[in-house]
């Protein structure tokens, strides 16, 4: 008996992200990190993944799938480049829900 699995938007987004390759993911990591760093310079303390996607789009014109932003943020968290902030409500979510925003880790100033 043949089983036809249901393919969701999440599946196709995950496949597209996986197909991006290491170099594509590395560049996406850099672009999103720079958008978050830019937001910090202008007073934004932290951002949800949805807020980061919107800010990045506003600054660069590049529209990203939320799953790609979330995967990239998770990779940057795992690499120690970002850290989670305090749970709060997302400013861009249509539903009232708590999110774990992220921020760039403070850079250690080298003492000579």
C-alpha atoms as a PDB file:
ATOM      1  CA  UNK A   1       0.000   0.000   0.000  1.00  0.00           C
ATOM      2  CA  UNK A   2       1.397   3.382  -1.037  1.00  0.00           C
ATOM      3  CA  UNK A   3       1.418   6.087   1.634  1.00  0.00           C
ATOM      4  CA  UNK A   4       1.317   9.673   0.347  1.00  0.00           C
ATOM      5  CA  UNK A   5       2.761  11.918   3.092  1.00  0.00           C
ATOM      6  CA  UNK A   6       1.412  15.425   3.444  1.00  0.00           C
ATOM      7  CA  UNK A   7       3.942  18.087   2.472  1.00  0.00           C
ATOM      8  CA  UNK A   8       3.622  21.306   4.430  1.00  0.00           C
ATOM      9  CA  UNK A   9       5.019  24.789   3.906  1.00  0.00           C
ATOM     10  CA  UNK A  10       7.378  24.059   6.783  1.00  0.00           C
ATOM     11  CA  UNK A  11       8.766  21.057   4.900  1.00  0.00           C
ATOM     12  CA  UNK A  12       9.413  23.034   1.716  1.00  0.00           C
ATOM     13  CA  UNK A  13      10.974  25.926   3.653  1.00  0.00           C
ATOM     14  CA  UNK A  14      13.251  23.503   5.490  1.00  0.00           C
ATOM     15  CA  UNK A  15      14.230  21.901   2.176  1.00  0.00           C
ATOM     16  CA  UNK A  16      14.989  25.303   0.657  1.00  0.00           C
ATOM     17  CA  UNK A  17      17.117  26.224   3.684  1.00  0.00           C
ATOM     18  CA  UNK A  18      18.997  22.912   3.496  1.00  0.00           C
ATOM     19  CA  UNK A  19      19.555  23.395  -0.243  1.00  0.00           C
ATOM     20  CA  UNK A  20      21.185  26.759   0.429  1.00  0.00           C
ATOM     21  CA  UNK A  21      24.507  25.067   1.206  1.00  0.00           C
ATOM     22  CA  UNK A  22      27.174  26.039   3.718  1.00  0.00           C
ATOM     23  CA  UNK A  23      28.299  29.196   1.936  1.00  0.00           C
ATOM     24  CA  UNK A  24      24.744  30.467   1.528  1.00  0.00           C
ATOM     25  CA  UNK A  25      23.983  29.819   5.198  1.00  0.00           C
ATOM     26  CA  UNK A  26      27.229  31.526   6.249  1.00  0.00           C
ATOM     27  CA  UNK A  27      26.295  34.650   4.270  1.00  0.00           C
ATOM     28  CA  UNK A  28      22.773  34.604   5.711  1.00  0.00           C
ATOM     29  CA  UNK A  29      24.256  34.323   9.222  1.00  0.00           C
ATOM     30  CA  UNK A  30      26.372  37.411   8.532  1.00  0.00           C
ATOM     31  CA  UNK A  31      23.506  39.435   7.041  1.00  0.00           C
ATOM     32  CA  UNK A  32      21.098  38.733   9.891  1.00  0.00           C
ATOM     33  CA  UNK A  33      23.797  39.300  12.527  1.00  0.00           C
ATOM     34  CA  UNK A  34      24.592  42.676  10.940  1.00  0.00           C
ATOM     35  CA  UNK A  35      20.908  43.639  10.893  1.00  0.00           C
ATOM     36  CA  UNK A  36      20.601  42.811  14.589  1.00  0.00           C
ATOM     37  CA  UNK A  37      23.822  44.681  15.389  1.00  0.00           C
ATOM     38  CA  UNK A  38      22.537  47.683  13.428  1.00  0.00           C
ATOM     39  CA  UNK A  39      19.283  47.621  15.411  1.00  0.00           C
ATOM     40  CA  UNK A  40      21.298  47.613  18.663  1.00  0.00           C
ATOM     41  CA  UNK A  41      23.194  50.713  17.524  1.00  0.00           C
ATOM     42  CA  UNK A  42      19.858  52.502  17.176  1.00  0.00           C
ATOM     43  CA  UNK A  43      18.568  51.529  20.600  1.00  0.00           C
ATOM     44  CA  UNK A  44      16.811  48.199  20.083  1.00  0.00           C
ATOM     45  CA  UNK A  45      17.671  45.970  23.040  1.00  0.00           C
ATOM     46  CA  UNK A  46      16.565  42.635  21.592  1.00  0.00           C
ATOM     47  CA  UNK A  47      14.359  41.198  18.856  1.00  0.00           C
ATOM     48  CA  UNK A  48      12.134  38.217  18.281  1.00  0.00           C
ATOM     49  CA  UNK A  49      12.795  36.233  15.139  1.00  0.00           C
ATOM     50  CA  UNK A  50       9.716  37.804  13.515  1.00  0.00           C
ATOM     51  CA  UNK A  51      10.865  41.315  14.517  1.00  0.00           C
ATOM     52  CA  UNK A  52      14.344  40.597  13.134  1.00  0.00           C
ATOM     53  CA  UNK A  53      12.847  39.427   9.841  1.00  0.00           C
ATOM     54  CA  UNK A  54      10.810  42.636   9.566  1.00  0.00           C
ATOM     55  CA  UNK A  55      13.743  44.869  10.508  1.00  0.00           C
ATOM     56  CA  UNK A  56      16.055  43.101   8.060  1.00  0.00           C
ATOM     57  CA  UNK A  57      13.477  43.526   5.291  1.00  0.00           C
ATOM     58  CA  UNK A  58      13.040  47.219   6.146  1.00  0.00           C
ATOM     59  CA  UNK A  59      16.795  47.832   6.093  1.00  0.00           C
ATOM     60  CA  UNK A  60      17.810  45.720   3.090  1.00  0.00           C
ATOM     61  CA  UNK A  61      14.681  45.005   1.055  1.00  0.00           C
ATOM     62  CA  UNK A  62      15.460  41.272   1.332  1.00  0.00           C
ATOM     63  CA  UNK A  63      12.423  39.206   2.327  1.00  0.00           C
ATOM     64  CA  UNK A  64      13.236  35.983   4.173  1.00  0.00           C
ATOM     65  CA  UNK A  65      11.048  33.074   5.192  1.00  0.00           C
ATOM     66  CA  UNK A  66      10.497  33.056   8.950  1.00  0.00           C
ATOM     67  CA  UNK A  67      11.801  29.479   9.109  1.00  0.00           C
ATOM     68  CA  UNK A  68      15.099  30.599   7.530  1.00  0.00           C
ATOM     69  CA  UNK A  69      15.409  33.428  10.064  1.00  0.00           C
ATOM     70  CA  UNK A  70      14.621  31.049  12.943  1.00  0.00           C
ATOM     71  CA  UNK A  71      17.137  28.449  11.711  1.00  0.00           C
ATOM     72  CA  UNK A  72      19.801  31.117  11.295  1.00  0.00           C
ATOM     73  CA  UNK A  73      19.143  32.619  14.727  1.00  0.00           C
ATOM     74  CA  UNK A  74      19.309  29.147  16.278  1.00  0.00           C
ATOM     75  CA  UNK A  75      22.663  28.524  14.562  1.00  0.00           C
ATOM     76  CA  UNK A  76      24.004  31.886  15.808  1.00  0.00           C
ATOM     77  CA  UNK A  77      22.817  31.046  19.336  1.00  0.00           C
ATOM     78  CA  UNK A  78      24.561  27.656  19.142  1.00  0.00           C
ATOM     79  CA  UNK A  79      27.750  29.345  17.888  1.00  0.00           C
ATOM     80  CA  UNK A  80      27.690  31.721  20.870  1.00  0.00           C
ATOM     81  CA  UNK A  81      27.284  34.879  18.771  1.00  0.00           C
ATOM     82  CA  UNK A  82      23.802  35.660  20.122  1.00  0.00           C
ATOM     83  CA  UNK A  83      22.167  35.259  23.492  1.00  0.00           C
ATOM     84  CA  UNK A  84      18.545  35.106  24.562  1.00  0.00           C
ATOM     85  CA  UNK A  85      16.917  37.994  26.368  1.00  0.00           C
ATOM     86  CA  UNK A  86      14.002  37.982  28.789  1.00  0.00           C
ATOM     87  CA  UNK A  87      10.739  36.424  27.579  1.00  0.00           C
ATOM     88  CA  UNK A  88       8.260  39.075  26.414  1.00  0.00           C
ATOM     89  CA  UNK A  89       5.383  39.641  24.040  1.00  0.00           C
ATOM     90  CA  UNK A  90       6.275  39.908  20.342  1.00  0.00           C
ATOM     91  CA  UNK A  91       5.426  43.295  18.852  1.00  0.00           C
ATOM     92  CA  UNK A  92       4.727  41.803  15.396  1.00  0.00           C
ATOM     93  CA  UNK A  93       2.771  38.684  16.224  1.00  0.00           C
ATOM     94  CA  UNK A  94      -0.926  38.715  15.401  1.00  0.00           C
ATOM     95  CA  UNK A  95      -1.494  36.459  18.407  1.00  0.00           C
ATOM     96  CA  UNK A  96      -0.540  37.501  21.897  1.00  0.00           C
ATOM     97  CA  UNK A  97       2.295  35.146  22.758  1.00  0.00           C
ATOM     98  CA  UNK A  98       5.539  35.140  24.641  1.00  0.00           C
ATOM     99  CA  UNK A  99       8.753  34.983  22.641  1.00  0.00           C
ATOM    100  CA  UNK A 100      12.388  34.554  23.573  1.00  0.00           C
ATOM    101  CA  UNK A 101      14.065  37.521  21.891  1.00  0.00           C
ATOM    102  CA  UNK A 102      17.744  37.495  21.019  1.00  0.00           C
ATOM    103  CA  UNK A 103      20.536  40.042  21.099  1.00  0.00           C
ATOM    104  CA  UNK A 104      24.154  40.145  20.041  1.00  0.00           C
ATOM    105  CA  UNK A 105      26.530  39.127  22.776  1.00  0.00           C
ATOM    106  CA  UNK A 106      28.538  42.013  24.154  1.00  0.00           C
ATOM    107  CA  UNK A 107      32.029  41.951  22.745  1.00  0.00           C
ATOM    108  CA  UNK A 108      34.880  41.650  25.180  1.00  0.00           C
ATOM    109  CA  UNK A 109      37.131  44.670  25.017  1.00  0.00           C
ATOM    110  CA  UNK A 110      40.735  43.563  24.846  1.00  0.00           C
ATOM    111  CA  UNK A 111      43.063  45.023  27.446  1.00  0.00           C
ATOM    112  CA  UNK A 112      46.592  45.688  26.324  1.00  0.00           C
END
